[in-house]
C-alpha atoms as a PDB file:
ATOM      1  CA  MET A   1      -9.164  -7.640 -15.477  1.00  0.00           C
ATOM      2  CA  GLY A   2      -9.654  -4.047 -14.490  1.00  0.00           C
ATOM      3  CA  SER A   3     -10.662  -1.513 -11.881  1.00  0.00           C
ATOM      4  CA  SER A   4     -13.702  -0.353 -13.864  1.00  0.00           C
ATOM      5  CA  MET A   5     -15.670  -3.592 -13.366  1.00  0.00           C
ATOM      6  CA  LYS A   6     -18.872  -3.204 -11.333  1.00  0.00           C
ATOM      7  CA  LYS A   7     -18.368  -4.243  -7.719  1.00  0.00           C
ATOM      8  CA  THR A   8     -21.131  -5.534  -5.482  1.00  0.00           C
ATOM      9  CA  THR A   9     -19.733  -3.820  -2.369  1.00  0.00           C
ATOM     10  CA  SER A  10     -17.736  -0.720  -1.568  1.00  0.00           C
ATOM     11  CA  ARG A  11     -14.985  -2.237   0.568  1.00  0.00           C
ATOM     12  CA  ARG A  12     -11.935  -0.155  -0.284  1.00  0.00           C
ATOM     13  CA  VAL A  13      -8.370  -1.417   0.031  1.00  0.00           C
ATOM     14  CA  GLY A  14      -5.084   0.483   0.055  1.00  0.00           C
ATOM     15  CA  LEU A  15      -1.789  -0.993  -1.075  1.00  0.00           C
ATOM     16  CA  ILE A  16       1.539   0.220   0.287  1.00  0.00           C
ATOM     17  CA  GLY A  17       4.599  -1.052  -1.561  1.00  0.00           C
ATOM     18  CA  ALA A  18       2.944  -1.513  -4.924  1.00  0.00           C
ATOM     19  CA  ARG A  19       6.116  -1.527  -7.036  1.00  0.00           C
ATOM     20  CA  GLY A  20       7.265  -5.031  -6.076  1.00  0.00           C
ATOM     21  CA  HIS A  21       6.342  -8.347  -7.663  1.00  0.00           C
ATOM     22  CA  THR A  22       3.871  -9.149  -4.884  1.00  0.00           C
ATOM     23  CA  GLY A  23       2.318  -5.690  -5.161  1.00  0.00           C
ATOM     24  CA  ALA A  24       1.533  -6.317  -8.823  1.00  0.00           C
ATOM     25  CA  GLU A  25      -0.119  -9.639  -7.980  1.00  0.00           C
ATOM     26  CA  LEU A  26      -2.243  -7.979  -5.302  1.00  0.00           C
ATOM     27  CA  ILE A  27      -3.355  -5.315  -7.783  1.00  0.00           C
ATOM     28  CA  ARG A  28      -4.497  -8.041 -10.187  1.00  0.00           C
ATOM     29  CA  LEU A  29      -6.362  -9.984  -7.519  1.00  0.00           C
ATOM     30  CA  VAL A  30      -8.123  -6.950  -6.046  1.00  0.00           C
ATOM     31  CA  ALA A  31      -9.080  -5.708  -9.523  1.00  0.00           C
ATOM     32  CA  ASP A  32     -10.810  -9.017 -10.217  1.00  0.00           C
ATOM     33  CA  HIS A  33     -12.394  -9.372  -6.765  1.00  0.00           C
ATOM     34  CA  PRO A  34     -16.173  -8.882  -6.838  1.00  0.00           C
ATOM     35  CA  ARG A  35     -16.465  -7.116  -3.487  1.00  0.00           C
ATOM     36  CA  ILE A  36     -13.307  -5.083  -2.876  1.00  0.00           C
ATOM     37  CA  GLU A  37     -11.657  -2.313  -4.871  1.00  0.00           C
ATOM     38  CA  LEU A  38      -8.426  -0.364  -4.763  1.00  0.00           C
ATOM     39  CA  ALA A  39      -8.613   2.949  -2.905  1.00  0.00           C
ATOM     40  CA  TYR A  40      -4.964   3.832  -3.609  1.00  0.00           C
ATOM     41  CA  VAL A  41      -1.624   2.273  -4.458  1.00  0.00           C
ATOM     42  CA  SER A  42       1.509   3.805  -2.981  1.00  0.00           C
ATOM     43  CA  SER A  43       4.957   3.588  -4.539  1.00  0.00           C
ATOM     44  CA  ARG A  44       7.639   6.239  -4.193  1.00  0.00           C
ATOM     45  CA  GLU A  45       9.482   5.110  -7.329  1.00  0.00           C
ATOM     46  CA  LEU A  46       6.387   4.975  -9.588  1.00  0.00           C
ATOM     47  CA  ALA A  47       4.494   7.995  -8.210  1.00  0.00           C
ATOM     48  CA  GLY A  48       2.355   9.704 -10.853  1.00  0.00           C
ATOM     49  CA  GLN A  49       2.491   6.834 -13.322  1.00  0.00           C
ATOM     50  CA  LEU A  50      -0.540   4.856 -14.436  1.00  0.00           C
ATOM     51  CA  VAL A  51      -0.942   1.440 -12.835  1.00  0.00           C
ATOM     52  CA  ALA A  52      -2.132   0.185 -16.222  1.00  0.00           C
ATOM     53  CA  ASP A  53       1.306   0.959 -17.683  1.00  0.00           C
ATOM     54  CA  HIS A  54       2.981  -1.427 -15.227  1.00  0.00           C
ATOM     55  CA  VAL A  55       0.455  -4.200 -14.539  1.00  0.00           C
ATOM     56  CA  PRO A  56      -0.516  -6.022 -17.748  1.00  0.00           C
ATOM     57  CA  GLY A  57      -4.262  -6.361 -18.144  1.00  0.00           C
ATOM     58  CA  PHE A  58      -5.144  -3.711 -15.577  1.00  0.00           C
ATOM     59  CA  VAL A  59      -7.763  -1.258 -16.843  1.00  0.00           C
ATOM     60  CA  GLY A  60      -8.464   2.205 -15.471  1.00  0.00           C
ATOM     61  CA  GLU A  61      -6.948   5.567 -14.619  1.00  0.00           C
ATOM     62  CA  LEU A  62      -5.599   4.658 -11.184  1.00  0.00           C
ATOM     63  CA  ARG A  63      -2.123   6.089 -10.599  1.00  0.00           C
ATOM     64  CA  TYR A  64       0.623   5.265  -8.150  1.00  0.00           C
ATOM     65  CA  GLU A  65       1.101   7.835  -5.379  1.00  0.00           C
ATOM     66  CA  ASP A  66       3.947   8.610  -2.999  1.00  0.00           C
ATOM     67  CA  LEU A  67       1.918   8.668   0.195  1.00  0.00           C
ATOM     68  CA  ASP A  68       2.975   9.661   3.689  1.00  0.00           C
ATOM     69  CA  PRO A  69       1.692   7.195   6.329  1.00  0.00           C
ATOM     70  CA  ALA A  70      -0.572   9.781   7.978  1.00  0.00           C
ATOM     71  CA  ILE A  71      -2.072  10.820   4.618  1.00  0.00           C
ATOM     72  CA  ALA A  72      -2.683   7.194   3.638  1.00  0.00           C
ATOM     73  CA  ALA A  73      -4.316   6.473   6.989  1.00  0.00           C
ATOM     74  CA  ALA A  74      -6.601   9.488   6.571  1.00  0.00           C
ATOM     75  CA  ARG A  75      -7.935   8.073   3.289  1.00  0.00           C
ATOM     76  CA  GLY A  76     -10.176   5.813   5.354  1.00  0.00           C
ATOM     77  CA  ALA A  77      -9.677   2.534   3.483  1.00  0.00           C
ATOM     78  CA  ASP A  78     -11.384  -0.474   5.010  1.00  0.00           C
ATOM     79  CA  ALA A  79      -8.173  -2.477   4.730  1.00  0.00           C
ATOM     80  CA  VAL A  80      -4.518  -1.912   3.879  1.00  0.00           C
ATOM     81  CA  PHE A  81      -1.991  -4.341   2.448  1.00  0.00           C
ATOM     82  CA  LEU A  82       1.594  -3.646   3.506  1.00  0.00           C
ATOM     83  CA  ALA A  83       3.801  -5.175   0.794  1.00  0.00           C
ATOM     84  CA  LEU A  84       7.006  -3.591   2.062  1.00  0.00           C
ATOM     85  CA  PRO A  85      10.494  -4.979   2.713  1.00  0.00           C
ATOM     86  CA  ASN A  86      11.112  -6.359   6.181  1.00  0.00           C
ATOM     87  CA  GLY A  87      11.622  -3.685   8.811  1.00  0.00           C
ATOM     88  CA  HIS A  88       9.476  -0.971   7.199  1.00  0.00           C
ATOM     89  CA  ALA A  89       5.975  -1.650   8.547  1.00  0.00           C
ATOM     90  CA  ALA A  90       6.157   0.143  11.908  1.00  0.00           C
ATOM     91  CA  ARG A  91       5.450   3.741  10.863  1.00  0.00           C
ATOM     92  CA  TRP A  92       2.540   2.684   8.655  1.00  0.00           C
ATOM     93  CA  VAL A  93       1.025   0.580  11.430  1.00  0.00           C
ATOM     94  CA  ALA A  94       1.474   3.458  13.908  1.00  0.00           C
ATOM     95  CA  ALA A  95      -0.320   5.868  11.555  1.00  0.00           C
ATOM     96  CA  LEU A  96      -3.189   3.464  10.966  1.00  0.00           C
ATOM     97  CA  ASP A  97      -3.476   2.699  14.683  1.00  0.00           C
ATOM     98  CA  ALA A  98      -3.757   6.444  15.353  1.00  0.00           C
ATOM     99  CA  CYS A  99      -6.053   7.509  12.488  1.00  0.00           C
ATOM    100  CA  ALA A 100      -7.921   4.392  11.415  1.00  0.00           C
ATOM    101  CA  PRO A 101      -7.786   1.830  14.244  1.00  0.00           C
ATOM    102  CA  ARG A 102     -10.693  -0.183  12.829  1.00  0.00           C
ATOM    103  CA  SER A 103      -9.105  -0.690   9.435  1.00  0.00           C
ATOM    104  CA  ILE A 104      -7.713  -4.142   8.665  1.00  0.00           C
ATOM    105  CA  ILE A 105      -3.959  -4.407   8.118  1.00  0.00           C
ATOM    106  CA  VAL A 106      -2.489  -7.395   6.297  1.00  0.00           C
ATOM    107  CA  ASP A 107       1.299  -7.208   6.642  1.00  0.00           C
ATOM    108  CA  LEU A 108       3.118  -9.307   4.041  1.00  0.00           C
ATOM    109  CA  SER A 109       6.541  -8.636   5.568  1.00  0.00           C
ATOM    110  CA  ALA A 110       8.056 -10.602   8.438  1.00  0.00           C
ATOM    111  CA  ASP A 111       7.662  -7.718  10.888  1.00  0.00           C
ATOM    112  CA  HIS A 112       4.687  -9.151  12.822  1.00  0.00           C
ATOM    113  CA  ARG A 113       5.004 -12.897  12.272  1.00  0.00           C
ATOM    114  CA  PHE A 114       6.488 -13.361  15.733  1.00  0.00           C
ATOM    115  CA  SER A 115       3.981 -11.125  17.529  1.00  0.00           C
ATOM    116  CA  ASP A 116       1.374 -12.647  19.819  1.00  0.00           C
ATOM    117  CA  THR A 117      -0.892  -9.624  19.309  1.00  0.00           C
ATOM    118  CA  TRP A 118      -1.192 -10.166  15.531  1.00  0.00           C
ATOM    119  CA  HIS A 119      -3.109 -13.009  13.940  1.00  0.00           C
ATOM    120  CA  TYR A 120      -0.805 -15.311  11.976  1.00  0.00           C
ATOM    121  CA  GLY A 121      -2.779 -16.019   8.830  1.00  0.00           C
ATOM    122  CA  LEU A 122      -2.035 -19.403   7.303  1.00  0.00           C
ATOM    123  CA  PRO A 123      -5.721 -20.200   6.707  1.00  0.00           C
ATOM    124  CA  GLU A 124      -5.451 -23.966   6.255  1.00  0.00           C
ATOM    125  CA  LEU A 125      -3.963 -24.126   9.753  1.00  0.00           C
ATOM    126  CA  THR A 126      -5.225 -20.988  11.541  1.00  0.00           C
ATOM    127  CA  ARG A 127      -8.544 -19.967   9.933  1.00  0.00           C
ATOM    128  CA  ALA A 128     -10.496 -20.844  13.068  1.00  0.00           C
ATOM    129  CA  HIS A 129      -8.998 -17.726  14.658  1.00  0.00           C
ATOM    130  CA  GLY A 130      -9.066 -15.430  11.596  1.00  0.00           C
ATOM    131  CA  ALA A 131     -12.622 -14.118  11.450  1.00  0.00           C
ATOM    132  CA  GLY A 132     -12.886 -10.465  12.399  1.00  0.00           C
ATOM    133  CA  ARG A 133      -9.175  -9.992  13.068  1.00  0.00           C
ATOM    134  CA  THR A 134      -7.836  -6.575  12.089  1.00  0.00           C
ATOM    135  CA  ARG A 135      -4.083  -7.079  12.464  1.00  0.00           C
ATOM    136  CA  ILE A 136      -2.913  -9.986  10.320  1.00  0.00           C
ATOM    137  CA  ALA A 137       0.627 -11.227   9.643  1.00  0.00           C
ATOM    138  CA  ASN A 138       0.876 -12.998   6.295  1.00  0.00           C
ATOM    139  CA  PRO A 139       3.248 -16.009   6.428  1.00  0.00           C
ATOM    140  CA  GLY A 140       6.399 -16.268   4.360  1.00  0.00           C
ATOM    141  CA  CYS A 141       6.379 -18.296   1.149  1.00  0.00           C
ATOM    142  CA  TYR A 142       8.813 -20.998   2.253  1.00  0.00           C
ATOM    143  CA  ALA A 143       7.253 -20.943   5.715  1.00  0.00           C
ATOM    144  CA  THR A 144       3.854 -21.735   4.184  1.00  0.00           C
ATOM    145  CA  ALA A 145       5.216 -24.762   2.334  1.00  0.00           C
ATOM    146  CA  MET A 146       7.187 -26.002   5.342  1.00  0.00           C
ATOM    147  CA  GLN A 147       4.274 -25.736   7.746  1.00  0.00           C
ATOM    148  CA  LEU A 148       1.842 -27.476   5.416  1.00  0.00           C
ATOM    149  CA  ILE A 149       4.334 -30.350   5.038  1.00  0.00           C
ATOM    150  CA  LEU A 150       5.134 -30.569   8.742  1.00  0.00           C
ATOM    151  CA  ALA A 151       1.788 -29.860  10.433  1.00  0.00           C
ATOM    152  CA  PRO A 152       0.278 -33.361  10.022  1.00  0.00           C
ATOM    153  CA  TRP A 153       3.320 -34.888  11.761  1.00  0.00           C
ATOM    154  CA  LEU A 154       3.958 -32.555  14.683  1.00  0.00           C
ATOM    155  CA  ASP A 155       3.122 -35.092  17.370  1.00  0.00           C
ATOM    156  CA  ARG A 156       4.962 -37.884  15.538  1.00  0.00           C
ATOM    157  CA  LEU A 157       8.332 -36.356  14.687  1.00  0.00           C
ATOM    158  CA  ASP A 158      11.437 -37.948  16.164  1.00  0.00           C
ATOM    159  CA  GLY A 159      14.160 -35.377  15.748  1.00  0.00           C
ATOM    160  CA  LEU A 160      14.928 -32.426  13.508  1.00  0.00           C
ATOM    161  CA  PRO A 161      13.100 -32.094  10.156  1.00  0.00           C
ATOM    162  CA  VAL A 162      15.398 -30.821   7.409  1.00  0.00           C
ATOM    163  CA  CYS A 163      13.953 -28.818   4.506  1.00  0.00           C
ATOM    164  CA  PHE A 164      15.893 -28.119   1.303  1.00  0.00           C
ATOM    165  CA  GLY A 165      14.370 -25.235  -0.643  1.00  0.00           C
ATOM    166  CA  VAL A 166      14.874 -23.816  -4.127  1.00  0.00           C
ATOM    167  CA  SER A 167      13.187 -20.557  -5.125  1.00  0.00           C
ATOM    168  CA  GLY A 168      12.831 -18.585  -8.297  1.00  0.00           C
ATOM    169  CA  TYR A 169      14.623 -15.255  -8.170  1.00  0.00           C
ATOM    170  CA  SER A 170      11.439 -13.205  -7.786  1.00  0.00           C
ATOM    171  CA  GLY A 171      11.676 -14.182  -4.125  1.00  0.00           C
ATOM    172  CA  ALA A 172      14.681 -11.883  -3.786  1.00  0.00           C
ATOM    173  CA  GLY A 173      12.557  -8.837  -4.617  1.00  0.00           C
ATOM    174  CA  THR A 174      13.192  -6.003  -7.052  1.00  0.00           C
ATOM    175  CA  THR A 175      16.215  -4.368  -5.392  1.00  0.00           C
ATOM    176  CA  PRO A 176      19.230  -5.572  -7.421  1.00  0.00           C
ATOM    177  CA  SER A 177      21.342  -8.253  -5.748  1.00  0.00           C
ATOM    178  CA  ASP A 178      23.261 -11.414  -6.643  1.00  0.00           C
ATOM    179  CA  ARG A 179      20.130 -13.438  -5.823  1.00  0.00           C
ATOM    180  CA  ASN A 180      17.966 -11.796  -8.480  1.00  0.00           C
ATOM    181  CA  ASN A 181      20.639 -11.324 -11.142  1.00  0.00           C
ATOM    182  CA  PRO A 182      19.736 -13.610 -14.075  1.00  0.00           C
ATOM    183  CA  GLU A 183      23.302 -13.525 -15.384  1.00  0.00           C
ATOM    184  CA  LEU A 184      24.758 -14.848 -12.124  1.00  0.00           C
ATOM    185  CA  LEU A 185      21.983 -17.419 -11.786  1.00  0.00           C
ATOM    186  CA  ARG A 186      22.267 -18.835 -15.297  1.00  0.00           C
ATOM    187  CA  ASP A 187      23.295 -22.529 -15.081  1.00  0.00           C
ATOM    188  CA  ASN A 188      23.651 -22.029 -11.354  1.00  0.00           C
ATOM    189  CA  LEU A 189      22.096 -22.865  -7.999  1.00  0.00           C
ATOM    190  CA  MET A 190      22.935 -20.268  -5.356  1.00  0.00           C
ATOM    191  CA  PRO A 191      22.857 -21.271  -1.663  1.00  0.00           C
ATOM    192  CA  TYR A 192      22.428 -18.540   0.946  1.00  0.00           C
ATOM    193  CA  GLN A 193      21.820 -18.089   4.688  1.00  0.00           C
ATOM    194  CA  LEU A 194      22.056 -21.809   5.373  1.00  0.00           C
ATOM    195  CA  ALA A 195      21.406 -21.448   9.103  1.00  0.00           C
ATOM    196  CA  GLY A 196      19.085 -19.102  10.964  1.00  0.00           C
ATOM    197  CA  HIS A 197      17.064 -17.995   7.926  1.00  0.00           C
ATOM    198  CA  MET A 198      13.981 -15.899   8.754  1.00  0.00           C
ATOM    199  CA  HIS A 199      11.656 -18.662   7.553  1.00  0.00           C
ATOM    200  CA  GLU A 200      13.510 -21.273   9.606  1.00  0.00           C
ATOM    201  CA  ARG A 201      12.912 -19.167  12.707  1.00  0.00           C
ATOM    202  CA  GLU A 202       9.315 -18.404  11.673  1.00  0.00           C
ATOM    203  CA  VAL A 203       8.384 -22.071  11.273  1.00  0.00           C
ATOM    204  CA  SER A 204      10.207 -23.163  14.430  1.00  0.00           C
ATOM    205  CA  HIS A 205       8.376 -20.452  16.367  1.00  0.00           C
ATOM    206  CA  ARG A 206       4.924 -21.141  14.936  1.00  0.00           C
ATOM    207  CA  LEU A 207       5.027 -24.938  15.129  1.00  0.00           C
ATOM    208  CA  ARG A 208       6.911 -24.981  18.443  1.00  0.00           C
ATOM    209  CA  HIS A 209       9.289 -27.505  16.911  1.00  0.00           C
ATOM    210  CA  ALA A 210      12.800 -26.804  15.642  1.00  0.00           C
ATOM    211  CA  VAL A 211      13.312 -27.160  11.882  1.00  0.00           C
ATOM    212  CA  ALA A 212      16.418 -26.838   9.718  1.00  0.00           C
ATOM    213  CA  PHE A 213      16.034 -24.958   6.432  1.00  0.00           C
ATOM    214  CA  LEU A 214      18.543 -24.808   3.567  1.00  0.00           C
ATOM    215  CA  PRO A 215      17.495 -22.119   1.008  1.00  0.00           C
ATOM    216  CA  HIS A 216      18.783 -21.773  -2.556  1.00  0.00           C
ATOM    217  CA  VAL A 217      17.945 -19.574  -5.538  1.00  0.00           C
ATOM    218  CA  ALA A 218      17.704 -20.877  -9.115  1.00  0.00           C
ATOM    219  CA  SER A 219      17.426 -19.264 -12.522  1.00  0.00           C
ATOM    220  CA  HIS A 220      13.633 -19.499 -12.929  1.00  0.00           C
ATOM    221  CA  PHE A 221      11.536 -16.438 -12.053  1.00  0.00           C
ATOM    222  CA  ARG A 222       8.751 -17.724  -9.807  1.00  0.00           C
ATOM    223  CA  GLY A 223       7.823 -20.789  -7.802  1.00  0.00           C
ATOM    224  CA  ILE A 224       9.498 -22.718  -4.993  1.00  0.00           C
ATOM    225  CA  THR A 225      10.280 -26.385  -4.470  1.00  0.00           C
ATOM    226  CA  LEU A 226      10.688 -27.644  -0.928  1.00  0.00           C
ATOM    227  CA  THR A 227      11.968 -31.147  -0.185  1.00  0.00           C
ATOM    228  CA  ALA A 228      11.559 -32.167   3.453  1.00  0.00           C
ATOM    229  CA  HIS A 229      13.175 -35.017   5.354  1.00  0.00           C
ATOM    230  CA  LEU A 230      10.951 -36.085   8.250  1.00  0.00           C
ATOM    231  CA  PRO A 231      12.277 -38.392  10.996  1.00  0.00           C
ATOM    232  CA  LEU A 232       9.255 -40.254  12.345  1.00  0.00           C
ATOM    233  CA  ARG A 233       8.704 -41.805  15.739  1.00  0.00           C
ATOM    234  CA  ASP A 234       6.602 -44.701  14.408  1.00  0.00           C
ATOM    235  CA  ARG A 235       7.211 -47.064  11.494  1.00  0.00           C
ATOM    236  CA  PHE A 236       4.967 -46.872   8.440  1.00  0.00           C
ATOM    237  CA  PRO A 237       4.419 -49.775   6.047  1.00  0.00           C
ATOM    238  CA  ASP A 238       4.877 -47.985   2.711  1.00  0.00           C
ATOM    239  CA  SER A 239       5.039 -44.649   0.886  1.00  0.00           C
ATOM    240  CA  ALA A 240       1.323 -44.743   0.122  1.00  0.00           C
ATOM    241  CA  SER A 241       0.587 -44.557   3.834  1.00  0.00           C
ATOM    242  CA  ILE A 242       2.506 -41.274   4.026  1.00  0.00           C
ATOM    243  CA  ALA A 243       0.511 -39.805   1.143  1.00  0.00           C
ATOM    244  CA  ALA A 244      -2.685 -40.993   2.811  1.00  0.00           C
ATOM    245  CA  GLU A 245      -1.851 -38.902   5.862  1.00  0.00           C
ATOM    246  CA  TYR A 246      -1.742 -35.779   3.705  1.00  0.00           C
ATOM    247  CA  ARG A 247      -4.947 -36.629   1.869  1.00  0.00           C
ATOM    248  CA  SER A 248      -6.688 -37.002   5.216  1.00  0.00           C
ATOM    249  CA  ALA A 249      -5.178 -33.839   6.712  1.00  0.00           C
ATOM    250  CA  TYR A 250      -6.095 -31.637   3.738  1.00  0.00           C
ATOM    251  CA  ALA A 251      -9.344 -33.208   2.588  1.00  0.00           C
ATOM    252  CA  GLY A 252     -11.657 -30.396   1.562  1.00  0.00           C
ATOM    253  CA  GLU A 253      -8.845 -27.840   1.205  1.00  0.00           C
ATOM    254  CA  PRO A 254      -9.161 -26.462  -2.366  1.00  0.00           C
ATOM    255  CA  LEU A 255      -5.744 -24.773  -2.242  1.00  0.00           C
ATOM    256  CA  VAL A 256      -3.828 -27.891  -1.159  1.00  0.00           C
ATOM    257  CA  LYS A 257      -3.543 -30.655  -3.744  1.00  0.00           C
ATOM    258  CA  VAL A 258      -1.899 -33.981  -2.857  1.00  0.00           C
ATOM    259  CA  LEU A 259      -0.272 -35.801  -5.772  1.00  0.00           C
ATOM    260  CA  ASP A 260       1.171 -39.273  -6.188  1.00  0.00           C
ATOM    261  CA  ASP A 261       4.300 -38.047  -7.966  1.00  0.00           C
ATOM    262  CA  ALA A 262       6.656 -35.292  -6.868  1.00  0.00           C
ATOM    263  CA  PRO A 263       5.276 -31.926  -8.036  1.00  0.00           C
ATOM    264  CA  TRP A 264       7.190 -29.829 -10.563  1.00  0.00           C
ATOM    265  CA  VAL A 265       7.841 -26.165  -9.966  1.00  0.00           C
ATOM    266  CA  SER A 266       7.188 -25.416 -13.651  1.00  0.00           C
ATOM    267  CA  HIS A 267       3.587 -26.561 -13.150  1.00  0.00           C
ATOM    268  CA  ILE A 268       2.862 -24.264 -10.189  1.00  0.00           C
ATOM    269  CA  ALA A 269       3.825 -20.892 -11.674  1.00  0.00           C
ATOM    270  CA  GLY A 270       0.767 -18.654 -11.854  1.00  0.00           C
ATOM    271  CA  ARG A 271      -1.368 -21.076  -9.796  1.00  0.00           C
ATOM    272  CA  HIS A 272      -2.956 -20.304  -6.442  1.00  0.00           C
ATOM    273  CA  HIS A 273      -2.561 -23.617  -4.635  1.00  0.00           C
ATOM    274  CA  VAL A 274       0.113 -25.759  -3.001  1.00  0.00           C
ATOM    275  CA  GLU A 275       1.035 -29.174  -4.379  1.00  0.00           C
ATOM    276  CA  ILE A 276       2.364 -31.878  -2.058  1.00  0.00           C
ATOM    277  CA  GLY A 277       3.592 -35.193  -3.370  1.00  0.00           C
ATOM    278  CA  GLY A 278       6.453 -37.542  -4.085  1.00  0.00           C
ATOM    279  CA  CYS A 279       5.967 -39.083  -0.645  1.00  0.00           C
ATOM    280  CA  THR A 280       8.781 -41.591  -0.131  1.00  0.00           C
ATOM    281  CA  LEU A 281       9.518 -43.835   2.824  1.00  0.00           C
ATOM    282  CA  GLY A 282      13.019 -44.861   3.839  1.00  0.00           C
ATOM    283  CA  GLY A 283      14.031 -48.470   4.344  1.00  0.00           C
ATOM    284  CA  ASP A 284      13.380 -48.557   8.088  1.00  0.00           C
ATOM    285  CA  GLY A 285       9.873 -47.156   7.685  1.00  0.00           C
ATOM    286  CA  ARG A 286      10.675 -44.166   9.914  1.00  0.00           C
ATOM    287  CA  ARG A 287      12.170 -41.710   7.433  1.00  0.00           C
ATOM    288  CA  ALA A 288       9.749 -39.907   5.127  1.00  0.00           C
ATOM    289  CA  VAL A 289      10.690 -37.542   2.306  1.00  0.00           C
ATOM    290  CA  VAL A 290       8.014 -35.199   0.934  1.00  0.00           C
ATOM    291  CA  VAL A 291       8.035 -32.487  -1.758  1.00  0.00           C
ATOM    292  CA  ALA A 292       5.905 -29.341  -1.928  1.00  0.00           C
ATOM    293  CA  THR A 293       5.679 -26.614  -4.548  1.00  0.00           C
ATOM    294  CA  LEU A 294       3.899 -23.270  -4.555  1.00  0.00           C
ATOM    295  CA  ASP A 295       4.081 -19.955  -6.371  1.00  0.00           C
ATOM    296  CA  ASN A 296       5.955 -17.690  -3.980  1.00  0.00           C
ATOM    297  CA  LEU A 297       4.139 -14.591  -5.283  1.00  0.00           C
ATOM    298  CA  LEU A 298       0.655 -16.130  -5.004  1.00  0.00           C
ATOM    299  CA  LYS A 299      -0.067 -18.771  -2.337  1.00  0.00           C
ATOM    300  CA  GLY A 300       3.233 -17.706  -0.791  1.00  0.00           C
ATOM    301  CA  ALA A 301       2.115 -14.056  -0.638  1.00  0.00           C
ATOM    302  CA  ALA A 302      -0.739 -12.345  -2.534  1.00  0.00           C
ATOM    303  CA  THR A 303      -3.256 -15.210  -2.710  1.00  0.00           C
ATOM    304  CA  GLN A 304      -2.835 -15.891   0.983  1.00  0.00           C
ATOM    305  CA  ALA A 305      -3.292 -12.174   1.731  1.00  0.00           C
ATOM    306  CA  ILE A 306      -6.630 -12.236  -0.113  1.00  0.00           C
ATOM    307  CA  GLN A 307      -7.665 -15.358   1.822  1.00  0.00           C
ATOM    308  CA  ASN A 308      -6.860 -13.537   5.051  1.00  0.00           C
ATOM    309  CA  LEU A 309      -8.702 -10.371   4.043  1.00  0.00           C
ATOM    310  CA  ASN A 310     -11.765 -12.357   2.993  1.00  0.00           C
ATOM    311  CA  LEU A 311     -11.832 -14.101   6.370  1.00  0.00           C
ATOM    312  CA  ALA A 312     -11.436 -10.810   8.226  1.00  0.00           C
ATOM    313  CA  LEU A 313     -14.285  -9.227   6.231  1.00  0.00           C
ATOM    314  CA  GLY A 314     -16.580 -12.226   6.613  1.00  0.00           C
ATOM    315  CA  HIS A 315     -16.492 -13.000   2.884  1.00  0.00           C
ATOM    316  CA  PRO A 316     -16.112 -16.547   1.508  1.00  0.00           C
ATOM    317  CA  GLU A 317     -12.429 -17.337   1.974  1.00  0.00           C
ATOM    318  CA  LEU A 318     -11.719 -18.062  -1.694  1.00  0.00           C
ATOM    319  CA  GLU A 319     -13.791 -15.239  -3.170  1.00  0.00           C
ATOM    320  CA  GLY A 320     -11.789 -13.560  -5.932  1.00  0.00           C
ATOM    321  CA  ILE A 321      -9.239 -16.408  -6.045  1.00  0.00           C
ATOM    322  CA  PRO A 322      -9.348 -18.666  -9.135  1.00  0.00           C
ATOM    323  CA  HIS A 323      -9.251 -22.301  -8.066  1.00  0.00           C
ATOM    324  CA  GLY A 324     -10.481 -25.691  -9.113  1.00  0.00           C
END
C-alpha cells in the first residue's frame, strides 16, 4: 500500500479529520485505489507529522496539515471526506459550497443524515439515486446493519422491531471516555443511551418505521454484532424460509453475505462486507430473530464512503475495495 503507486486517473481527494480510526482506514483505501489519490489530509493534532508514521503500510512523504476550511476548499480537490465528530461539518461544508461547489463531499458524521437535500448513501438500498450526487451523507455503522436486516421486511412488520447491539470500543472514537477505556471494558459489557440513540433515530427516519435500539460496548476493538427481533404480520413455516428472504433480497450484492449460522464478530474484523445469519423463527411462526455483523470502521464507515464516492464519480462501485 502506498501513495507512490501509479494511478490511472488524477481524481484528487481531501480528508478532514484524519487522526481518527476511520480516517486511517480511508487513507489506506484511497492509497490502494487505482483512480483516486490523496490531495491532503488534515489533522490539527498530527499537523506536520508524516502519515507513514501513523498508518502502517502507507508509503510516501505526505504529511498531516492543520487546514482552515477556506484554505482546504481552495486546494481544489475533486472530493472531500469529512471524518469529523458529529456537529463539526457545517463550517467545512460552507467553505466548500462557497469555493468549490462542484466538489463531492462525503460526510461520515451524522450531521446530514436527516437532510432531504443530501443523498443518503447506503448503496445496497439507495444506489439508484447515488450517481452524480455531490453531497452525500454516509450512514452510521449500526444504522447500516439495522437497515440491511430490516429492509426486506418493511411491508410485513407487525409492531416494533427491537435491535440489541454490541460494538467494539473503536466505535467510541479516539477522545478518551469510559466507552473506549480498555481497563473499564475488561470482562465487561457496557450499556449506554438505551433510548433515543442517534442510530435509532436515523433508522426510524430513513425506513419510515419506528425501531428500538439497545447499544452496548464490549472489550474488543472493532466490529459490531446486531441481534434483531422482528415481529411479523404473516406466519412462516420454518427458519430456512427467513434466510431465503435474505438470500433473495441480497442476491448479487458482493458486500452482503447470508450465512446459515449466526455470524461471529471475530470473523468480520478487517473485512469489507456485512454478514447476516442465524435466522431463527419463534414458535408461532411470526417472530423472527436475525443476527448481523460488520466492521464498524469499514462497511460501517470507510468502505461505504468509498462505495459512495465511486458511484458519484461514475466508477465501478467496488473499485478499490477488496471483496470476494
